[in-house]
Every structure is written in structure tokens, then in C-alpha cells.
Amino acid sequence: MEKARRRRNGQPSTLVVRAAPGKPNRAIVRFGPLILPAAIGRSGRTVIKREGDGATPIAAMRLLYGFRRGERNGHLPTALPIKRIRPEMLWCDQPADANYNRPVKAPFKPSHEEMKRKDGLYDICLVLDWNVTSRARNRGSAIFFHLIRPGYEPTAGCVAISARDMRRILPHLRKGTILRVL
């Protein structure tokens, strides 16, 4: 079975995210032989994801592309398409808006997230295909694989790991790599 999850180059094509024992908003990410600590949603995991619930969806999500903070991260060695974050880059999280769960540019009045965050969470931010290629209102937006807060504080529904661990796995990630939350 492990061989079935490997690409031709021998690299694993699936990141497996499991809840950490006794900690509903902490997780363990397994990628091949690597075991990495992670933070997940403040409400833990859910099979019924809703906008604003603070939960990480239990699902298999493909990596689509990523963002990087240019002044903090130069070139990132990865086959995953990576875009440089610009100050005007935002992500719409307003379910009633036609741009829901899409990148947008400032100025933008409906509810949104800034991609160029002061706290550095999105200095390396990978977009997961949760409600992106096939959108439904209120099903959840901005579900990313990004960097952690100090102390592995919970996320709003994303999966987050340390910058060091992200840099370790980035060279092995590409469009279509699966992040599976169990």
C-alpha cells in the first residue's frame, strides 16, 4: 500500500494528518519517514465543515499552489507553483460574495483575509483544494497548509507546521500532492 502512495521518483505523494492524542487542536503530520508536529483548527476536526466553525475538514485535499513572502523567503525549492505575496493580495471569506474562497485584490470591502500578514503565518502558505475547484457557499474558505504560531496555537481550520519543517518537505511537494486529514 505504501508503494501505491509513492510517485515514480520514490517520493511520497501523500501527507497524512492525524489528531494528536488528547489534544483536539494539535496534530501529527506524516510524510514518508518524517513525523512532524502540527496545529489544526481550534475546534479540532470535522466531517461537516462550515464557514467560521474553526474546524479542520476531515478530507483528502490536493495541493494546488502556494504563496511566499518575498522579503522573508527567497526562492523556495519546490515543484509546486509558488506566487510572491503582494501587499494588495487578499482572500475572500464572505460566503455571499461571488469571489468567495478566491484570491482578490485590495481595495475589497467584503470580508477577507490579508495574505501579507504581520504575524508571518502565510510567509509560506500552500492552498489546499478545499471548496476551491468546486465551491459551495458556507462550506469553508481559506483552508491552507501554512506556518505555525508560537506554541503551536490552534488555527482557524488550516494545518500549520514550523518553518523548518515546511522547508524540509517543500522540495518533495508538487501540484496534486494529497494532504489527507483523518
N, C-alpha and C. Protein backbone atom coordinates (compact mmCIF):
# COMPACT_ATOMS: atom_id res chain seq x y z
N MET A 1 0.83 -1.19 0.00
CA MET A 1 0.00 0.00 0.00
C MET A 1 0.87 1.26 0.00
N GLU A 2 1.95 1.24 0.76
CA GLU A 2 2.84 2.41 0.78
C GLU A 2 3.36 2.71 -0.62
N LYS A 3 3.67 1.65 -1.38
CA LYS A 3 4.16 1.85 -2.75
C LYS A 3 3.11 2.54 -3.61
N ALA A 4 1.84 2.25 -3.36
CA ALA A 4 0.77 2.86 -4.15
C ALA A 4 0.69 4.37 -3.91
N ARG A 5 1.19 4.83 -2.77
CA ARG A 5 1.13 6.25 -2.48
C ARG A 5 2.41 6.96 -2.85
N ARG A 6 3.29 6.31 -3.54
CA ARG A 6 4.55 6.93 -3.93
C ARG A 6 4.53 7.25 -5.42
N ARG A 7 5.18 8.32 -5.77
CA ARG A 7 5.33 8.68 -7.17
C ARG A 7 6.47 7.88 -7.76
N ARG A 8 6.63 7.99 -9.06
CA ARG A 8 7.68 7.24 -9.74
C ARG A 8 9.07 7.56 -9.21
N ASN A 9 9.28 8.76 -8.72
CA ASN A 9 10.61 9.13 -8.23
C ASN A 9 10.86 8.61 -6.80
N GLY A 10 9.90 7.86 -6.26
CA GLY A 10 10.09 7.27 -4.94
C GLY A 10 9.66 8.18 -3.80
N GLN A 11 9.28 9.42 -4.10
CA GLN A 11 8.87 10.34 -3.05
C GLN A 11 7.41 10.11 -2.69
N PRO A 12 7.05 10.20 -1.42
CA PRO A 12 5.66 10.04 -1.03
C PRO A 12 4.80 11.14 -1.64
N SER A 13 3.58 10.80 -2.03
CA SER A 13 2.70 11.80 -2.62
C SER A 13 1.56 12.18 -1.69
N THR A 14 1.59 11.69 -0.45
CA THR A 14 0.52 11.99 0.50
C THR A 14 1.10 12.40 1.84
N LEU A 15 0.57 13.50 2.37
CA LEU A 15 0.85 13.91 3.75
C LEU A 15 -0.36 13.44 4.55
N VAL A 16 -0.13 12.71 5.63
CA VAL A 16 -1.23 12.21 6.44
C VAL A 16 -1.25 12.99 7.75
N VAL A 17 -2.40 13.56 8.07
CA VAL A 17 -2.57 14.39 9.27
C VAL A 17 -3.52 13.66 10.22
N ARG A 18 -3.00 13.34 11.41
CA ARG A 18 -3.80 12.67 12.45
C ARG A 18 -3.84 13.55 13.68
N ALA A 19 -4.95 13.51 14.39
CA ALA A 19 -5.05 14.27 15.64
C ALA A 19 -4.03 13.74 16.64
N ALA A 20 -3.42 14.63 17.39
CA ALA A 20 -2.50 14.23 18.45
C ALA A 20 -3.32 13.70 19.62
N PRO A 21 -2.88 12.64 20.26
CA PRO A 21 -3.63 12.07 21.38
C PRO A 21 -3.90 13.09 22.48
N GLY A 22 -5.16 13.22 22.87
CA GLY A 22 -5.54 14.10 23.98
C GLY A 22 -5.52 15.59 23.69
N LYS A 23 -5.22 15.96 22.45
CA LYS A 23 -5.15 17.39 22.10
C LYS A 23 -5.94 17.62 20.81
N PRO A 24 -7.19 18.04 20.93
CA PRO A 24 -8.05 18.14 19.73
C PRO A 24 -7.60 19.16 18.69
N ASN A 25 -6.78 20.15 19.07
CA ASN A 25 -6.34 21.13 18.06
C ASN A 25 -4.86 21.01 17.74
N ARG A 26 -4.28 19.87 18.07
CA ARG A 26 -2.90 19.56 17.69
C ARG A 26 -2.94 18.30 16.82
N ALA A 27 -1.92 18.16 15.98
CA ALA A 27 -1.89 17.02 15.07
C ALA A 27 -0.47 16.55 14.85
N ILE A 28 -0.38 15.42 14.18
CA ILE A 28 0.88 14.85 13.75
C ILE A 28 0.78 14.65 12.25
N VAL A 29 1.75 15.20 11.51
CA VAL A 29 1.79 15.04 10.06
C VAL A 29 2.85 14.01 9.73
N ARG A 30 2.47 13.00 8.96
CA ARG A 30 3.42 12.00 8.49
C ARG A 30 3.62 12.18 7.00
N PHE A 31 4.89 12.28 6.60
CA PHE A 31 5.24 12.40 5.19
C PHE A 31 6.41 11.47 4.95
N GLY A 32 6.13 10.30 4.40
CA GLY A 32 7.18 9.28 4.27
C GLY A 32 7.68 8.95 5.66
N PRO A 33 8.99 8.98 5.88
CA PRO A 33 9.53 8.64 7.20
C PRO A 33 9.46 9.80 8.21
N LEU A 34 9.09 11.00 7.74
CA LEU A 34 9.06 12.16 8.64
C LEU A 34 7.77 12.21 9.46
N ILE A 35 7.91 12.51 10.73
CA ILE A 35 6.78 12.73 11.63
C ILE A 35 6.94 14.14 12.18
N LEU A 36 5.96 15.01 11.88
CA LEU A 36 6.08 16.42 12.21
C LEU A 36 4.92 16.88 13.10
N PRO A 37 5.20 17.65 14.16
CA PRO A 37 4.11 18.20 14.97
C PRO A 37 3.40 19.32 14.19
N ALA A 38 2.10 19.46 14.43
CA ALA A 38 1.30 20.46 13.71
C ALA A 38 0.18 21.00 14.59
N ALA A 39 -0.34 22.13 14.15
CA ALA A 39 -1.54 22.70 14.76
C ALA A 39 -2.66 22.56 13.74
N ILE A 40 -3.87 22.33 14.24
CA ILE A 40 -5.05 22.30 13.37
C ILE A 40 -6.10 23.24 13.98
N GLY A 41 -7.31 23.20 13.47
CA GLY A 41 -8.35 24.12 13.88
C GLY A 41 -8.65 24.14 15.37
N ARG A 42 -9.02 25.31 15.86
CA ARG A 42 -9.32 25.48 17.29
C ARG A 42 -10.46 24.57 17.74
N SER A 43 -11.32 24.17 16.80
CA SER A 43 -12.43 23.27 17.11
C SER A 43 -12.11 21.83 16.73
N GLY A 44 -10.85 21.55 16.46
CA GLY A 44 -10.47 20.18 16.09
C GLY A 44 -10.76 19.89 14.63
N ARG A 45 -11.25 18.68 14.38
CA ARG A 45 -11.55 18.23 13.01
C ARG A 45 -13.04 18.00 12.85
N THR A 46 -13.51 18.05 11.60
CA THR A 46 -14.93 17.82 11.36
C THR A 46 -15.16 17.22 9.97
N VAL A 47 -16.22 16.44 9.85
CA VAL A 47 -16.61 15.94 8.53
C VAL A 47 -17.61 16.88 7.87
N ILE A 48 -18.19 17.78 8.65
CA ILE A 48 -19.15 18.76 8.11
C ILE A 48 -18.58 20.15 8.34
N LYS A 49 -17.77 20.62 7.42
CA LYS A 49 -17.10 21.92 7.53
C LYS A 49 -18.07 23.04 7.18
N ARG A 50 -18.05 24.10 8.01
CA ARG A 50 -18.87 25.30 7.79
C ARG A 50 -18.00 26.53 7.97
N GLU A 51 -18.30 27.57 7.24
CA GLU A 51 -17.56 28.82 7.33
C GLU A 51 -17.55 29.31 8.77
N GLY A 52 -16.35 29.61 9.28
CA GLY A 52 -16.20 30.20 10.60
C GLY A 52 -16.28 29.24 11.77
N ASP A 53 -16.40 27.92 11.52
CA ASP A 53 -16.53 26.98 12.64
C ASP A 53 -15.20 26.68 13.35
N GLY A 54 -14.09 27.09 12.77
CA GLY A 54 -12.79 26.88 13.40
C GLY A 54 -12.30 25.44 13.36
N ALA A 55 -12.90 24.61 12.52
CA ALA A 55 -12.53 23.20 12.43
C ALA A 55 -11.77 22.91 11.14
N THR A 56 -10.91 21.91 11.20
CA THR A 56 -10.16 21.44 10.03
C THR A 56 -10.98 20.33 9.38
N PRO A 57 -11.23 20.42 8.07
CA PRO A 57 -12.03 19.39 7.42
C PRO A 57 -11.32 18.03 7.36
N ILE A 58 -12.06 16.98 7.69
CA ILE A 58 -11.56 15.62 7.54
C ILE A 58 -11.79 15.28 6.07
N ALA A 59 -10.70 15.26 5.31
CA ALA A 59 -10.81 15.09 3.87
C ALA A 59 -9.44 14.87 3.26
N ALA A 60 -9.44 14.42 2.02
CA ALA A 60 -8.21 14.35 1.22
C ALA A 60 -8.23 15.56 0.30
N MET A 61 -7.25 16.45 0.47
CA MET A 61 -7.21 17.71 -0.29
C MET A 61 -5.91 17.79 -1.09
N ARG A 62 -6.04 18.11 -2.37
CA ARG A 62 -4.86 18.26 -3.21
C ARG A 62 -4.21 19.61 -2.97
N LEU A 63 -2.88 19.66 -3.06
CA LEU A 63 -2.17 20.94 -3.06
C LEU A 63 -2.34 21.55 -4.44
N LEU A 64 -2.74 22.81 -4.51
CA LEU A 64 -2.95 23.47 -5.79
C LEU A 64 -1.76 24.35 -6.18
N TYR A 65 -1.37 25.25 -5.27
CA TYR A 65 -0.26 26.18 -5.49
C TYR A 65 0.05 26.82 -4.15
N GLY A 66 1.01 27.70 -4.13
CA GLY A 66 1.36 28.33 -2.87
C GLY A 66 1.70 29.80 -3.02
N PHE A 67 1.90 30.42 -1.86
CA PHE A 67 2.32 31.81 -1.78
C PHE A 67 3.56 31.88 -0.90
N ARG A 68 4.40 32.87 -1.15
CA ARG A 68 5.56 33.10 -0.29
C ARG A 68 5.71 34.58 -0.06
N ARG A 69 6.21 34.91 1.09
CA ARG A 69 6.50 36.31 1.42
C ARG A 69 7.90 36.58 0.91
N GLY A 70 8.02 37.34 -0.16
CA GLY A 70 9.27 37.55 -0.87
C GLY A 70 10.41 38.12 -0.05
N GLU A 71 10.12 39.14 0.78
CA GLU A 71 11.19 39.76 1.54
C GLU A 71 11.67 38.87 2.69
N ARG A 72 10.91 37.83 3.01
CA ARG A 72 11.31 36.91 4.08
C ARG A 72 11.74 35.56 3.52
N ASN A 73 11.32 35.25 2.33
CA ASN A 73 11.65 33.97 1.69
C ASN A 73 12.05 34.24 0.25
N GLY A 74 13.25 33.88 -0.07
CA GLY A 74 13.67 33.99 -1.46
C GLY A 74 13.06 32.84 -2.25
N HIS A 75 13.78 32.34 -3.21
CA HIS A 75 13.32 31.21 -4.00
C HIS A 75 13.12 30.00 -3.09
N LEU A 76 12.00 29.31 -3.25
CA LEU A 76 11.75 28.10 -2.48
C LEU A 76 11.90 26.90 -3.41
N PRO A 77 12.74 25.96 -3.06
CA PRO A 77 12.96 24.80 -3.92
C PRO A 77 11.78 23.83 -3.87
N THR A 78 10.88 23.93 -4.83
CA THR A 78 9.72 23.06 -4.90
C THR A 78 9.18 23.03 -6.32
N ALA A 79 8.53 21.95 -6.69
CA ALA A 79 7.88 21.85 -7.99
C ALA A 79 6.46 22.43 -7.93
N LEU A 80 6.02 22.79 -6.75
CA LEU A 80 4.70 23.39 -6.57
C LEU A 80 4.73 24.82 -7.07
N PRO A 81 3.75 25.25 -7.87
CA PRO A 81 3.74 26.65 -8.30
C PRO A 81 3.62 27.57 -7.10
N ILE A 82 4.55 28.52 -6.97
CA ILE A 82 4.58 29.45 -5.83
C ILE A 82 4.53 30.89 -6.36
N LYS A 83 3.61 31.69 -5.81
CA LYS A 83 3.48 33.09 -6.18
C LYS A 83 3.98 33.96 -5.04
N ARG A 84 4.58 35.08 -5.38
CA ARG A 84 5.04 36.02 -4.36
C ARG A 84 3.85 36.83 -3.86
N ILE A 85 3.74 36.97 -2.55
CA ILE A 85 2.65 37.74 -1.95
C ILE A 85 2.92 39.22 -2.14
N ARG A 86 1.92 39.92 -2.60
CA ARG A 86 1.96 41.37 -2.77
C ARG A 86 1.06 42.01 -1.72
N PRO A 87 1.33 43.26 -1.34
CA PRO A 87 0.50 43.91 -0.30
C PRO A 87 -0.99 43.95 -0.62
N GLU A 88 -1.34 44.00 -1.88
CA GLU A 88 -2.76 44.10 -2.25
C GLU A 88 -3.47 42.74 -2.28
N MET A 89 -2.77 41.66 -2.02
CA MET A 89 -3.37 40.33 -2.11
C MET A 89 -4.21 40.02 -0.88
N LEU A 90 -5.44 39.60 -1.14
CA LEU A 90 -6.40 39.23 -0.10
C LEU A 90 -7.04 37.91 -0.50
N TRP A 91 -7.79 37.30 0.43
CA TRP A 91 -8.54 36.07 0.14
C TRP A 91 -9.96 36.28 0.67
N CYS A 92 -10.94 36.21 -0.22
CA CYS A 92 -12.34 36.46 0.15
C CYS A 92 -12.90 35.32 0.98
N ASP A 93 -13.46 35.65 2.16
CA ASP A 93 -14.09 34.64 3.00
C ASP A 93 -15.56 34.99 3.29
N GLN A 94 -16.15 35.80 2.41
CA GLN A 94 -17.55 36.21 2.54
C GLN A 94 -18.42 35.29 1.67
N PRO A 95 -19.18 34.36 2.28
CA PRO A 95 -19.95 33.39 1.51
C PRO A 95 -20.92 34.00 0.50
N ALA A 96 -21.47 35.18 0.77
CA ALA A 96 -22.44 35.79 -0.14
C ALA A 96 -21.80 36.44 -1.35
N ASP A 97 -20.48 36.62 -1.35
CA ASP A 97 -19.79 37.29 -2.45
C ASP A 97 -19.45 36.31 -3.56
N ALA A 98 -19.51 36.78 -4.81
CA ALA A 98 -19.17 35.95 -5.96
C ALA A 98 -17.72 35.48 -5.94
N ASN A 99 -16.85 36.19 -5.21
CA ASN A 99 -15.44 35.82 -5.11
C ASN A 99 -15.13 34.91 -3.93
N TYR A 100 -16.16 34.38 -3.28
CA TYR A 100 -15.98 33.55 -2.10
C TYR A 100 -14.92 32.46 -2.34
N ASN A 101 -14.01 32.37 -1.38
CA ASN A 101 -12.92 31.39 -1.39
C ASN A 101 -12.03 31.52 -2.63
N ARG A 102 -11.74 32.76 -2.96
CA ARG A 102 -10.86 33.08 -4.09
C ARG A 102 -9.91 34.20 -3.68
N PRO A 103 -8.74 34.25 -4.31
CA PRO A 103 -7.87 35.41 -4.08
C PRO A 103 -8.49 36.64 -4.72
N VAL A 104 -8.37 37.77 -4.07
CA VAL A 104 -8.87 39.05 -4.59
C VAL A 104 -7.82 40.11 -4.31
N LYS A 105 -8.03 41.30 -4.87
CA LYS A 105 -7.08 42.40 -4.67
C LYS A 105 -7.74 43.54 -3.90
N ALA A 106 -6.93 44.20 -3.08
CA ALA A 106 -7.38 45.39 -2.37
C ALA A 106 -7.46 46.54 -3.37
N PRO A 107 -8.37 47.45 -3.18
CA PRO A 107 -9.36 47.51 -2.09
C PRO A 107 -10.50 46.53 -2.35
N PHE A 108 -10.98 45.91 -1.27
CA PHE A 108 -12.05 44.91 -1.35
C PHE A 108 -12.84 44.99 -0.06
N LYS A 109 -14.12 45.39 -0.15
CA LYS A 109 -14.93 45.63 1.04
C LYS A 109 -15.48 44.39 1.73
N PRO A 110 -15.92 43.34 0.99
CA PRO A 110 -16.45 42.18 1.70
C PRO A 110 -15.39 41.54 2.61
N SER A 111 -15.83 40.70 3.52
CA SER A 111 -14.92 40.05 4.47
C SER A 111 -13.82 39.29 3.73
N HIS A 112 -12.59 39.41 4.26
CA HIS A 112 -11.44 38.80 3.60
C HIS A 112 -10.30 38.61 4.59
N GLU A 113 -9.29 37.86 4.16
CA GLU A 113 -8.05 37.71 4.92
C GLU A 113 -6.95 38.39 4.13
N GLU A 114 -6.03 39.04 4.84
CA GLU A 114 -4.85 39.60 4.20
C GLU A 114 -3.83 38.49 4.04
N MET A 115 -3.25 38.39 2.86
CA MET A 115 -2.25 37.35 2.63
C MET A 115 -0.88 37.78 3.17
N LYS A 116 -0.62 39.09 3.16
CA LYS A 116 0.66 39.59 3.68
C LYS A 116 0.46 39.95 5.15
N ARG A 117 0.45 38.92 5.98
CA ARG A 117 0.17 39.07 7.41
C ARG A 117 1.40 39.53 8.18
N LYS A 118 1.17 40.31 9.21
CA LYS A 118 2.27 40.76 10.06
C LYS A 118 2.81 39.63 10.93
N ASP A 119 1.96 38.65 11.27
CA ASP A 119 2.40 37.56 12.16
C ASP A 119 3.21 36.48 11.45
N GLY A 120 3.33 36.54 10.13
CA GLY A 120 4.17 35.60 9.39
C GLY A 120 3.56 34.23 9.12
N LEU A 121 2.31 34.00 9.49
CA LEU A 121 1.70 32.69 9.26
C LEU A 121 1.69 32.30 7.79
N TYR A 122 1.52 33.28 6.92
CA TYR A 122 1.45 32.99 5.49
C TYR A 122 2.76 33.29 4.76
N ASP A 123 3.86 33.40 5.49
CA ASP A 123 5.15 33.60 4.82
C ASP A 123 5.41 32.47 3.83
N ILE A 124 4.97 31.28 4.17
CA ILE A 124 4.87 30.16 3.22
C ILE A 124 3.48 29.59 3.44
N CYS A 125 2.65 29.65 2.41
CA CYS A 125 1.24 29.29 2.52
C CYS A 125 0.85 28.49 1.29
N LEU A 126 0.43 27.25 1.49
CA LEU A 126 0.04 26.38 0.39
C LEU A 126 -1.47 26.24 0.36
N VAL A 127 -2.05 26.43 -0.82
CA VAL A 127 -3.51 26.41 -0.98
C VAL A 127 -3.97 24.97 -1.18
N LEU A 128 -4.88 24.53 -0.31
CA LEU A 128 -5.46 23.20 -0.40
C LEU A 128 -6.77 23.27 -1.19
N ASP A 129 -7.07 22.23 -1.93
CA ASP A 129 -8.30 22.21 -2.71
C ASP A 129 -9.49 21.83 -1.83
N TRP A 130 -9.77 22.71 -0.89
CA TRP A 130 -10.99 22.57 -0.09
C TRP A 130 -11.93 23.66 -0.53
N ASN A 131 -13.01 23.27 -1.21
CA ASN A 131 -14.03 24.22 -1.64
C ASN A 131 -13.45 25.26 -2.60
N VAL A 132 -12.43 24.90 -3.37
CA VAL A 132 -11.83 25.82 -4.32
C VAL A 132 -12.26 25.49 -5.75
N THR A 133 -11.93 24.29 -6.24
CA THR A 133 -12.29 23.96 -7.63
C THR A 133 -13.78 23.73 -7.79
N SER A 134 -14.45 23.32 -6.74
CA SER A 134 -15.90 23.15 -6.74
C SER A 134 -16.41 23.83 -5.48
N ARG A 135 -16.88 25.09 -5.62
CA ARG A 135 -17.25 25.89 -4.44
C ARG A 135 -18.71 25.74 -4.07
N ALA A 136 -18.97 25.83 -2.77
CA ALA A 136 -20.33 25.89 -2.24
C ALA A 136 -20.31 26.92 -1.12
N ARG A 137 -21.31 27.77 -1.09
CA ARG A 137 -21.38 28.81 -0.07
C ARG A 137 -21.40 28.20 1.34
N ASN A 138 -20.69 28.86 2.25
CA ASN A 138 -20.62 28.48 3.66
C ASN A 138 -19.93 27.16 3.95
N ARG A 139 -19.26 26.57 2.96
CA ARG A 139 -18.60 25.28 3.18
C ARG A 139 -17.18 25.44 3.72
N GLY A 140 -16.73 26.67 3.86
CA GLY A 140 -15.39 26.93 4.41
C GLY A 140 -14.47 27.52 3.36
N SER A 141 -13.66 28.48 3.81
CA SER A 141 -12.74 29.15 2.88
C SER A 141 -11.36 29.26 3.51
N ALA A 142 -10.39 29.53 2.66
CA ALA A 142 -9.01 29.77 3.09
C ALA A 142 -8.46 28.63 3.94
N ILE A 143 -8.67 27.40 3.49
CA ILE A 143 -8.09 26.25 4.18
C ILE A 143 -6.72 26.03 3.56
N PHE A 144 -5.70 26.41 4.32
CA PHE A 144 -4.32 26.40 3.84
C PHE A 144 -3.45 25.45 4.67
N PHE A 145 -2.27 25.18 4.13
CA PHE A 145 -1.20 24.47 4.84
C PHE A 145 -0.13 25.54 5.01
N HIS A 146 0.05 26.05 6.23
CA HIS A 146 0.90 27.21 6.42
C HIS A 146 1.78 27.06 7.66
N LEU A 147 2.38 28.16 8.08
CA LEU A 147 3.32 28.14 9.21
C LEU A 147 2.58 28.33 10.53
N ILE A 148 3.18 27.81 11.60
CA ILE A 148 2.55 27.83 12.92
C ILE A 148 2.73 29.16 13.65
N ARG A 149 1.87 29.35 14.64
CA ARG A 149 2.07 30.40 15.63
C ARG A 149 2.98 29.82 16.71
N PRO A 150 3.65 30.67 17.48
CA PRO A 150 4.47 30.15 18.59
C PRO A 150 3.61 29.28 19.52
N GLY A 151 4.20 28.20 19.97
CA GLY A 151 3.49 27.30 20.88
C GLY A 151 2.47 26.42 20.19
N TYR A 152 2.47 26.37 18.88
CA TYR A 152 1.52 25.55 18.11
C TYR A 152 0.08 25.90 18.48
N GLU A 153 -0.19 27.20 18.57
CA GLU A 153 -1.56 27.64 18.85
C GLU A 153 -2.48 27.16 17.73
N PRO A 154 -3.75 26.91 18.04
CA PRO A 154 -4.69 26.42 17.03
C PRO A 154 -4.87 27.40 15.87
N THR A 155 -5.31 26.86 14.75
CA THR A 155 -5.59 27.67 13.56
C THR A 155 -7.10 27.91 13.47
N ALA A 156 -7.51 28.59 12.42
CA ALA A 156 -8.94 28.82 12.16
C ALA A 156 -9.54 27.67 11.34
N GLY A 157 -8.75 26.63 11.07
CA GLY A 157 -9.22 25.48 10.30
C GLY A 157 -8.15 24.91 9.38
N CYS A 158 -7.01 25.57 9.32
CA CYS A 158 -5.90 25.15 8.47
C CYS A 158 -5.04 24.10 9.19
N VAL A 159 -4.03 23.61 8.48
CA VAL A 159 -2.99 22.76 9.06
C VAL A 159 -1.72 23.59 9.04
N ALA A 160 -1.01 23.66 10.17
CA ALA A 160 0.17 24.51 10.27
C ALA A 160 1.34 23.76 10.88
N ILE A 161 2.52 23.97 10.30
CA ILE A 161 3.75 23.35 10.81
C ILE A 161 4.83 24.42 10.93
N SER A 162 5.95 24.05 11.51
CA SER A 162 7.05 25.02 11.69
C SER A 162 7.69 25.37 10.35
N ALA A 163 8.33 26.53 10.30
CA ALA A 163 9.03 26.96 9.08
C ALA A 163 10.13 25.96 8.72
N ARG A 164 10.82 25.47 9.73
CA ARG A 164 11.89 24.49 9.49
C ARG A 164 11.33 23.23 8.82
N ASP A 165 10.22 22.71 9.35
CA ASP A 165 9.62 21.51 8.77
C ASP A 165 9.05 21.77 7.38
N MET A 166 8.46 22.94 7.18
CA MET A 166 7.93 23.28 5.86
C MET A 166 9.07 23.29 4.83
N ARG A 167 10.19 23.87 5.19
CA ARG A 167 11.35 23.91 4.28
C ARG A 167 11.89 22.51 4.00
N ARG A 168 11.79 21.61 4.96
CA ARG A 168 12.25 20.23 4.76
C ARG A 168 11.39 19.49 3.74
N ILE A 169 10.09 19.72 3.75
CA ILE A 169 9.22 18.94 2.85
C ILE A 169 8.93 19.62 1.52
N LEU A 170 9.08 20.94 1.45
CA LEU A 170 8.77 21.66 0.20
C LEU A 170 9.43 21.08 -1.05
N PRO A 171 10.68 20.68 -1.02
CA PRO A 171 11.28 20.13 -2.24
C PRO A 171 10.58 18.87 -2.76
N HIS A 172 9.77 18.23 -1.93
CA HIS A 172 9.10 16.99 -2.32
C HIS A 172 7.63 17.19 -2.69
N LEU A 173 7.15 18.42 -2.61
CA LEU A 173 5.75 18.71 -2.88
C LEU A 173 5.57 19.22 -4.31
N ARG A 174 4.44 18.89 -4.87
CA ARG A 174 4.10 19.36 -6.22
C ARG A 174 2.58 19.48 -6.32
N LYS A 175 2.13 20.11 -7.36
CA LYS A 175 0.68 20.23 -7.58
C LYS A 175 0.09 18.82 -7.61
N GLY A 176 -0.96 18.61 -6.84
CA GLY A 176 -1.60 17.30 -6.79
C GLY A 176 -1.19 16.45 -5.61
N THR A 177 -0.12 16.82 -4.90
CA THR A 177 0.22 16.10 -3.66
C THR A 177 -1.01 16.17 -2.76
N ILE A 178 -1.31 15.08 -2.11
CA ILE A 178 -2.51 15.00 -1.26
C ILE A 178 -2.15 15.26 0.21
N LEU A 179 -2.94 16.10 0.85
CA LEU A 179 -2.90 16.27 2.30
C LEU A 179 -4.18 15.63 2.81
N ARG A 180 -4.04 14.52 3.52
CA ARG A 180 -5.20 13.75 3.99
C ARG A 180 -5.35 13.92 5.50
N VAL A 181 -6.44 14.56 5.91
CA VAL A 181 -6.75 14.73 7.33
C VAL A 181 -7.67 13.59 7.73
N LEU A 182 -7.21 12.82 8.72
CA LEU A 182 -8.00 11.67 9.20
C LEU A 182 -8.68 11.99 10.52
